[in-house]
Amino acid sequence: MADEKRNIYLAINGEKYGPVSKKDIKRLYKENKITGTEKYVRAGMSEWRPLPESGILSDKDGLPPLELDPSELWQRRKEESEESSRKIMLGQIIYMIVGVCAVIAFFVWVLNR
């Protein structure tokens, strides 16, 4: 079975993984563990290429087509990351305000005894 050969390496978020088979790549894509915009390389190739060029993630396999090009996906991930950072920062500010209020309440309590 040619599909079972583990001779493909993936670059995912700057980390290199592999060797994996075509079947592994399809499974990872179906499980949303990869987006389809990663790069791949296999024996005989001189450089990393975009995964969509491999033909592994094609419609004939019943996989949903890629709806975003890599730049749109990168922009979307960046926006999600910024939104997440804002939420974390807001949580930290609220935590600090509650802490300051607790300290003030403590001193008011101590001074009124």
C-alpha atoms as a PDB file:
ATOM      1  CA  MET A   1       0.000   0.000   0.000  1.00  0.00           C
ATOM      2  CA  ALA A   2       1.639   3.208  -1.160  1.00  0.00           C
ATOM      3  CA  ASP A   3      -0.676   5.262   1.038  1.00  0.00           C
ATOM      4  CA  GLU A   4       0.726   3.636   4.175  1.00  0.00           C
ATOM      5  CA  LYS A   5       4.331   4.686   3.513  1.00  0.00           C
ATOM      6  CA  ARG A   6       5.475   7.076   6.184  1.00  0.00           C
ATOM      7  CA  ASN A   7       7.733   9.252   4.074  1.00  0.00           C
ATOM      8  CA  ILE A   8       6.224  12.721   4.491  1.00  0.00           C
ATOM      9  CA  TYR A   9       7.328  15.365   6.984  1.00  0.00           C
ATOM     10  CA  LEU A  10       5.113  18.280   8.032  1.00  0.00           C
ATOM     11  CA  ALA A  11       6.011  21.719   9.355  1.00  0.00           C
ATOM     12  CA  ILE A  12       3.276  22.745  11.811  1.00  0.00           C
ATOM     13  CA  ASN A  13       3.656  26.097  13.581  1.00  0.00           C
ATOM     14  CA  GLY A  14       7.395  26.017  13.010  1.00  0.00           C
ATOM     15  CA  GLU A  15       7.814  22.492  14.429  1.00  0.00           C
ATOM     16  CA  LYS A  16       8.767  19.569  12.194  1.00  0.00           C
ATOM     17  CA  TYR A  17       6.830  16.307  12.497  1.00  0.00           C
ATOM     18  CA  GLY A  18       7.153  12.980  10.795  1.00  0.00           C
ATOM     19  CA  PRO A  19       7.527  10.786   9.089  1.00  0.00           C
ATOM     20  CA  VAL A  20       3.789  10.455   8.459  1.00  0.00           C
ATOM     21  CA  SER A  21       1.701   8.792   5.779  1.00  0.00           C
ATOM     22  CA  LYS A  22      -0.924  10.310   3.487  1.00  0.00           C
ATOM     23  CA  LYS A  23      -3.530   8.565   5.618  1.00  0.00           C
ATOM     24  CA  ASP A  24      -2.130  10.265   8.744  1.00  0.00           C
ATOM     25  CA  ILE A  25      -2.330  13.670   7.066  1.00  0.00           C
ATOM     26  CA  LYS A  26      -5.944  13.111   6.006  1.00  0.00           C
ATOM     27  CA  ARG A  27      -6.844  12.026   9.546  1.00  0.00           C
ATOM     28  CA  LEU A  28      -5.131  15.048  11.099  1.00  0.00           C
ATOM     29  CA  TYR A  29      -7.006  17.325   8.701  1.00  0.00           C
ATOM     30  CA  LYS A  30     -10.368  15.704   9.422  1.00  0.00           C
ATOM     31  CA  GLU A  31      -9.680  16.055  13.165  1.00  0.00           C
ATOM     32  CA  ASN A  32      -8.816  19.769  12.675  1.00  0.00           C
ATOM     33  CA  LYS A  33      -5.311  19.209  14.028  1.00  0.00           C
ATOM     34  CA  ILE A  34      -3.880  20.718  10.856  1.00  0.00           C
ATOM     35  CA  THR A  35      -5.440  23.376   8.652  1.00  0.00           C
ATOM     36  CA  GLY A  36      -4.115  22.270   5.290  1.00  0.00           C
ATOM     37  CA  THR A  37      -1.895  25.330   5.011  1.00  0.00           C
ATOM     38  CA  GLU A  38       1.160  23.638   6.513  1.00  0.00           C
ATOM     39  CA  LYS A  39       4.263  22.820   4.495  1.00  0.00           C
ATOM     40  CA  TYR A  40       5.508  19.350   3.655  1.00  0.00           C
ATOM     41  CA  VAL A  41       8.584  17.648   2.299  1.00  0.00           C
ATOM     42  CA  ARG A  42       9.370  14.081   1.302  1.00  0.00           C
ATOM     43  CA  ALA A  43      12.363  12.177  -0.029  1.00  0.00           C
ATOM     44  CA  GLY A  44      13.634  13.612  -3.291  1.00  0.00           C
ATOM     45  CA  MET A  45      12.316  17.119  -2.663  1.00  0.00           C
ATOM     46  CA  SER A  46      14.823  19.920  -2.223  1.00  0.00           C
ATOM     47  CA  GLU A  47      12.549  22.323  -0.337  1.00  0.00           C
ATOM     48  CA  TRP A  48       9.396  22.536   1.767  1.00  0.00           C
ATOM     49  CA  ARG A  49       6.217  23.104  -0.271  1.00  0.00           C
ATOM     50  CA  PRO A  50       2.656  24.130   0.694  1.00  0.00           C
ATOM     51  CA  LEU A  51       0.605  21.065   1.623  1.00  0.00           C
ATOM     52  CA  PRO A  52      -2.226  21.856  -0.848  1.00  0.00           C
ATOM     53  CA  GLU A  53       0.270  21.372  -3.698  1.00  0.00           C
ATOM     54  CA  SER A  54       0.731  17.753  -2.628  1.00  0.00           C
ATOM     55  CA  GLY A  55      -2.763  16.755  -3.734  1.00  0.00           C
ATOM     56  CA  ILE A  56      -3.165  14.742  -0.520  1.00  0.00           C
ATOM     57  CA  LEU A  57      -6.077  16.857   0.698  1.00  0.00           C
ATOM     58  CA  SER A  58      -8.233  16.716  -2.391  1.00  0.00           C
ATOM     59  CA  ASP A  59     -12.037  16.729  -2.737  1.00  0.00           C
ATOM     60  CA  LYS A  60     -12.043  13.155  -4.062  1.00  0.00           C
ATOM     61  CA  ASP A  61     -11.212  11.965  -0.550  1.00  0.00           C
ATOM     62  CA  GLY A  62     -14.404  13.487   0.827  1.00  0.00           C
ATOM     63  CA  LEU A  63     -12.473  16.208   2.618  1.00  0.00           C
ATOM     64  CA  PRO A  64     -13.904  19.694   2.743  1.00  0.00           C
ATOM     65  CA  PRO A  65     -12.071  22.091   0.415  1.00  0.00           C
ATOM     66  CA  LEU A  66      -9.838  24.735   1.899  1.00  0.00           C
ATOM     67  CA  GLU A  67     -11.888  27.908   2.136  1.00  0.00           C
ATOM     68  CA  LEU A  68      -9.141  30.319   3.130  1.00  0.00           C
ATOM     69  CA  ASP A  69      -5.807  31.026   1.586  1.00  0.00           C
ATOM     70  CA  PRO A  70      -2.873  30.977   4.043  1.00  0.00           C
ATOM     71  CA  SER A  71      -2.717  34.779   4.412  1.00  0.00           C
ATOM     72  CA  GLU A  72      -6.416  34.958   5.367  1.00  0.00           C
ATOM     73  CA  LEU A  73      -5.977  32.101   7.806  1.00  0.00           C
ATOM     74  CA  TRP A  74      -2.920  33.807   9.326  1.00  0.00           C
ATOM     75  CA  GLN A  75      -4.894  37.054   9.703  1.00  0.00           C
ATOM     76  CA  ARG A  76      -7.802  35.217  11.339  1.00  0.00           C
ATOM     77  CA  ARG A  77      -5.482  33.425  13.799  1.00  0.00           C
ATOM     78  CA  LYS A  78      -3.750  36.727  14.587  1.00  0.00           C
ATOM     79  CA  GLU A  79      -7.103  38.420  15.304  1.00  0.00           C
ATOM     80  CA  GLU A  80      -8.209  35.502  17.493  1.00  0.00           C
ATOM     81  CA  SER A  81      -4.922  35.667  19.366  1.00  0.00           C
ATOM     82  CA  GLU A  82      -5.261  39.419  19.903  1.00  0.00           C
ATOM     83  CA  GLU A  83      -8.838  38.980  21.134  1.00  0.00           C
ATOM     84  CA  SER A  84      -7.701  36.257  23.517  1.00  0.00           C
ATOM     85  CA  SER A  85      -4.882  38.493  24.794  1.00  0.00           C
ATOM     86  CA  ARG A  86      -7.358  41.331  25.420  1.00  0.00           C
ATOM     87  CA  LYS A  87      -9.609  39.012  27.413  1.00  0.00           C
ATOM     88  CA  ILE A  88      -6.686  37.793  29.499  1.00  0.00           C
ATOM     89  CA  MET A  89      -5.513  41.353  30.143  1.00  0.00           C
ATOM     90  CA  LEU A  90      -9.038  42.425  31.129  1.00  0.00           C
ATOM     91  CA  GLY A  91      -9.215  39.484  33.542  1.00  0.00           C
ATOM     92  CA  GLN A  92      -5.899  40.505  35.082  1.00  0.00           C
ATOM     93  CA  ILE A  93      -7.058  44.117  35.494  1.00  0.00           C
ATOM     94  CA  ILE A  94     -10.268  42.998  37.186  1.00  0.00           C
ATOM     95  CA  TYR A  95      -8.267  40.694  39.459  1.00  0.00           C
ATOM     96  CA  MET A  96      -5.990  43.605  40.438  1.00  0.00           C
ATOM     97  CA  ILE A  97      -8.962  45.907  41.117  1.00  0.00           C
ATOM     98  CA  VAL A  98     -10.569  43.285  43.348  1.00  0.00           C
ATOM     99  CA  GLY A  99      -7.243  42.874  45.169  1.00  0.00           C
ATOM    100  CA  VAL A 100      -6.872  46.615  45.729  1.00  0.00           C
ATOM    101  CA  CYS A 101     -10.477  46.814  46.988  1.00  0.00           C
ATOM    102  CA  ALA A 102      -9.766  43.975  49.406  1.00  0.00           C
ATOM    103  CA  VAL A 103      -6.665  45.768  50.749  1.00  0.00           C
ATOM    104  CA  ILE A 104      -8.609  49.036  51.146  1.00  0.00           C
ATOM    105  CA  ALA A 105     -11.454  47.199  52.902  1.00  0.00           C
ATOM    106  CA  PHE A 106      -8.944  45.571  55.240  1.00  0.00           C
ATOM    107  CA  PHE A 107      -7.380  48.913  56.183  1.00  0.00           C
ATOM    108  CA  VAL A 108     -10.808  50.503  56.693  1.00  0.00           C
ATOM    109  CA  TRP A 109     -11.744  47.604  58.951  1.00  0.00           C
ATOM    110  CA  VAL A 110      -8.480  47.895  60.921  1.00  0.00           C
ATOM    111  CA  LEU A 111      -8.808  51.687  61.337  1.00  0.00           C
ATOM    112  CA  ASN A 112     -12.434  51.431  62.498  1.00  0.00           C
ATOM    113  CA  ARG A 113     -11.780  48.896  65.256  1.00  0.00           C
END
